[in-house]
C-alpha atoms as a PDB file:
ATOM      1  CA  MET A   1       7.858 -16.912   1.505  1.00  0.00           C
ATOM      2  CA  ALA A   2       7.139 -13.333   2.531  1.00  0.00           C
ATOM      3  CA  LYS A   3       4.392 -11.455   0.735  1.00  0.00           C
ATOM      4  CA  ALA A   4       4.420  -7.978  -0.705  1.00  0.00           C
ATOM      5  CA  VAL A   5       2.089  -5.507   1.007  1.00  0.00           C
ATOM      6  CA  PHE A   6       0.074  -2.954  -0.947  1.00  0.00           C
ATOM      7  CA  TYR A   7      -1.049   0.004   1.171  1.00  0.00           C
ATOM      8  CA  HIS A   8      -3.787   2.342   0.010  1.00  0.00           C
ATOM      9  CA  ALA A   9      -6.453   4.707   1.330  1.00  0.00           C
ATOM     10  CA  GLY A  10      -9.368   3.952  -0.964  1.00  0.00           C
ATOM     11  CA  CYS A  11      -9.074   7.066  -3.133  1.00  0.00           C
ATOM     12  CA  PRO A  12      -9.599   6.726  -6.907  1.00  0.00           C
ATOM     13  CA  VAL A  13      -5.816   6.771  -7.547  1.00  0.00           C
ATOM     14  CA  CYS A  14      -5.338   3.984  -4.984  1.00  0.00           C
ATOM     15  CA  VAL A  15      -8.196   1.839  -6.252  1.00  0.00           C
ATOM     16  CA  SER A  16      -6.928   2.110  -9.825  1.00  0.00           C
ATOM     17  CA  ALA A  17      -3.406   1.183  -8.723  1.00  0.00           C
ATOM     18  CA  GLU A  18      -4.746  -1.789  -6.745  1.00  0.00           C
ATOM     19  CA  GLN A  19      -6.691  -3.094  -9.739  1.00  0.00           C
ATOM     20  CA  ASP A  20      -3.666  -2.738 -12.020  1.00  0.00           C
ATOM     21  CA  LEU A  21      -1.336  -4.300  -9.469  1.00  0.00           C
ATOM     22  CA  LEU A  22      -3.546  -7.330  -8.966  1.00  0.00           C
ATOM     23  CA  THR A  23      -3.452  -8.011 -12.711  1.00  0.00           C
ATOM     24  CA  LEU A  24       0.357  -8.210 -12.455  1.00  0.00           C
ATOM     25  CA  ILE A  25       0.872  -9.946  -9.115  1.00  0.00           C
ATOM     26  CA  PRO A  26      -1.238 -12.950  -8.052  1.00  0.00           C
ATOM     27  CA  GLU A  27      -3.490 -12.025  -5.135  1.00  0.00           C
ATOM     28  CA  ARG A  28      -1.997 -14.849  -3.045  1.00  0.00           C
ATOM     29  CA  GLU A  29       1.399 -13.074  -3.197  1.00  0.00           C
ATOM     30  CA  VAL A  30       0.294  -9.644  -1.936  1.00  0.00           C
ATOM     31  CA  ASP A  31      -1.594  -8.447   1.126  1.00  0.00           C
ATOM     32  CA  VAL A  32      -3.797  -5.426   0.464  1.00  0.00           C
ATOM     33  CA  VAL A  33      -4.154  -3.025   3.393  1.00  0.00           C
ATOM     34  CA  HIS A  34      -6.724  -0.225   3.248  1.00  0.00           C
ATOM     35  CA  LEU A  35      -5.355   2.370   5.670  1.00  0.00           C
ATOM     36  CA  GLY A  36      -8.561   4.401   5.477  1.00  0.00           C
ATOM     37  CA  SER A  37     -10.481   1.468   6.961  1.00  0.00           C
ATOM     38  CA  ASP A  38      -7.735  -0.007   9.133  1.00  0.00           C
ATOM     39  CA  ARG A  39      -5.961   2.918  10.758  1.00  0.00           C
ATOM     40  CA  SER A  40      -4.190   0.566  13.173  1.00  0.00           C
ATOM     41  CA  LYS A  41      -1.839  -0.358  10.302  1.00  0.00           C
ATOM     42  CA  ILE A  42      -0.618   3.213   9.673  1.00  0.00           C
ATOM     43  CA  GLU A  43       2.274   2.857  12.126  1.00  0.00           C
ATOM     44  CA  THR A  44       3.313  -0.449  10.529  1.00  0.00           C
ATOM     45  CA  ALA A  45       3.262   1.193   7.094  1.00  0.00           C
ATOM     46  CA  GLU A  46       5.386   4.099   8.343  1.00  0.00           C
ATOM     47  CA  LYS A  47       7.930   1.745   9.902  1.00  0.00           C
ATOM     48  CA  ALA A  48       8.158  -0.072   6.560  1.00  0.00           C
ATOM     49  CA  GLY A  49       9.050   3.243   4.875  1.00  0.00           C
ATOM     50  CA  VAL A  50       5.694   4.178   3.359  1.00  0.00           C
ATOM     51  CA  ARG A  51       5.399   7.966   3.069  1.00  0.00           C
ATOM     52  CA  SER A  52       2.400   8.170   0.753  1.00  0.00           C
ATOM     53  CA  VAL A  53      -0.208   5.863  -0.714  1.00  0.00           C
ATOM     54  CA  PRO A  54      -0.626   3.944  -2.879  1.00  0.00           C
ATOM     55  CA  ALA A  55       2.598   2.121  -2.085  1.00  0.00           C
ATOM     56  CA  LEU A  56       3.872  -1.403  -2.491  1.00  0.00           C
ATOM     57  CA  VAL A  57       6.299  -2.812   0.072  1.00  0.00           C
ATOM     58  CA  LEU A  58       8.257  -5.666  -1.483  1.00  0.00           C
ATOM     59  CA  PRO A  59       9.338  -8.747   0.483  1.00  0.00           C
ATOM     60  CA  ASN A  60      12.941  -7.464   0.429  1.00  0.00           C
ATOM     61  CA  GLY A  61      11.837  -4.242   2.176  1.00  0.00           C
ATOM     62  CA  ASN A  62      11.987  -1.910  -0.815  1.00  0.00           C
ATOM     63  CA  VAL A  63       9.072   0.527  -1.009  1.00  0.00           C
ATOM     64  CA  LEU A  64       7.576   1.497  -4.352  1.00  0.00           C
ATOM     65  CA  HIS A  65       5.509   4.675  -4.086  1.00  0.00           C
ATOM     66  CA  ILE A  66       2.981   4.548  -6.909  1.00  0.00           C
ATOM     67  CA  ASN A  67       1.632   7.890  -8.135  1.00  0.00           C
ATOM     68  CA  PHE A  68       0.370  10.059  -5.260  1.00  0.00           C
ATOM     69  CA  GLY A  69      -3.006   9.635  -3.611  1.00  0.00           C
ATOM     70  CA  ALA A  70      -2.401  10.852  -0.058  1.00  0.00           C
ATOM     71  CA  SER A  71       0.454  11.297   2.381  1.00  0.00           C
ATOM     72  CA  ILE A  72       0.612   9.158   5.499  1.00  0.00           C
ATOM     73  CA  ALA A  73       0.317  12.381   7.549  1.00  0.00           C
ATOM     74  CA  ASP A  74      -3.072  13.048   5.908  1.00  0.00           C
ATOM     75  CA  LEU A  75      -4.325   9.625   6.993  1.00  0.00           C
ATOM     76  CA  LYS A  76      -3.585  10.158  10.691  1.00  0.00           C
END
């Protein structure tokens, strides 16, 4: 089974969203990717449709942009 992927940049908005998300979705069902620490994943996030973080990419490919912490362009 494919996992959801939660992308964030470590900002307060992102950290709050991550904490809330992990109360709703079991940690074993979502990969958390900190784009501020792992810049090599920015291209993967963009290809998945992520335009800003925090964002949750669902196993079916839908992207849920949660609030607005930072644009992908700002992370580059």
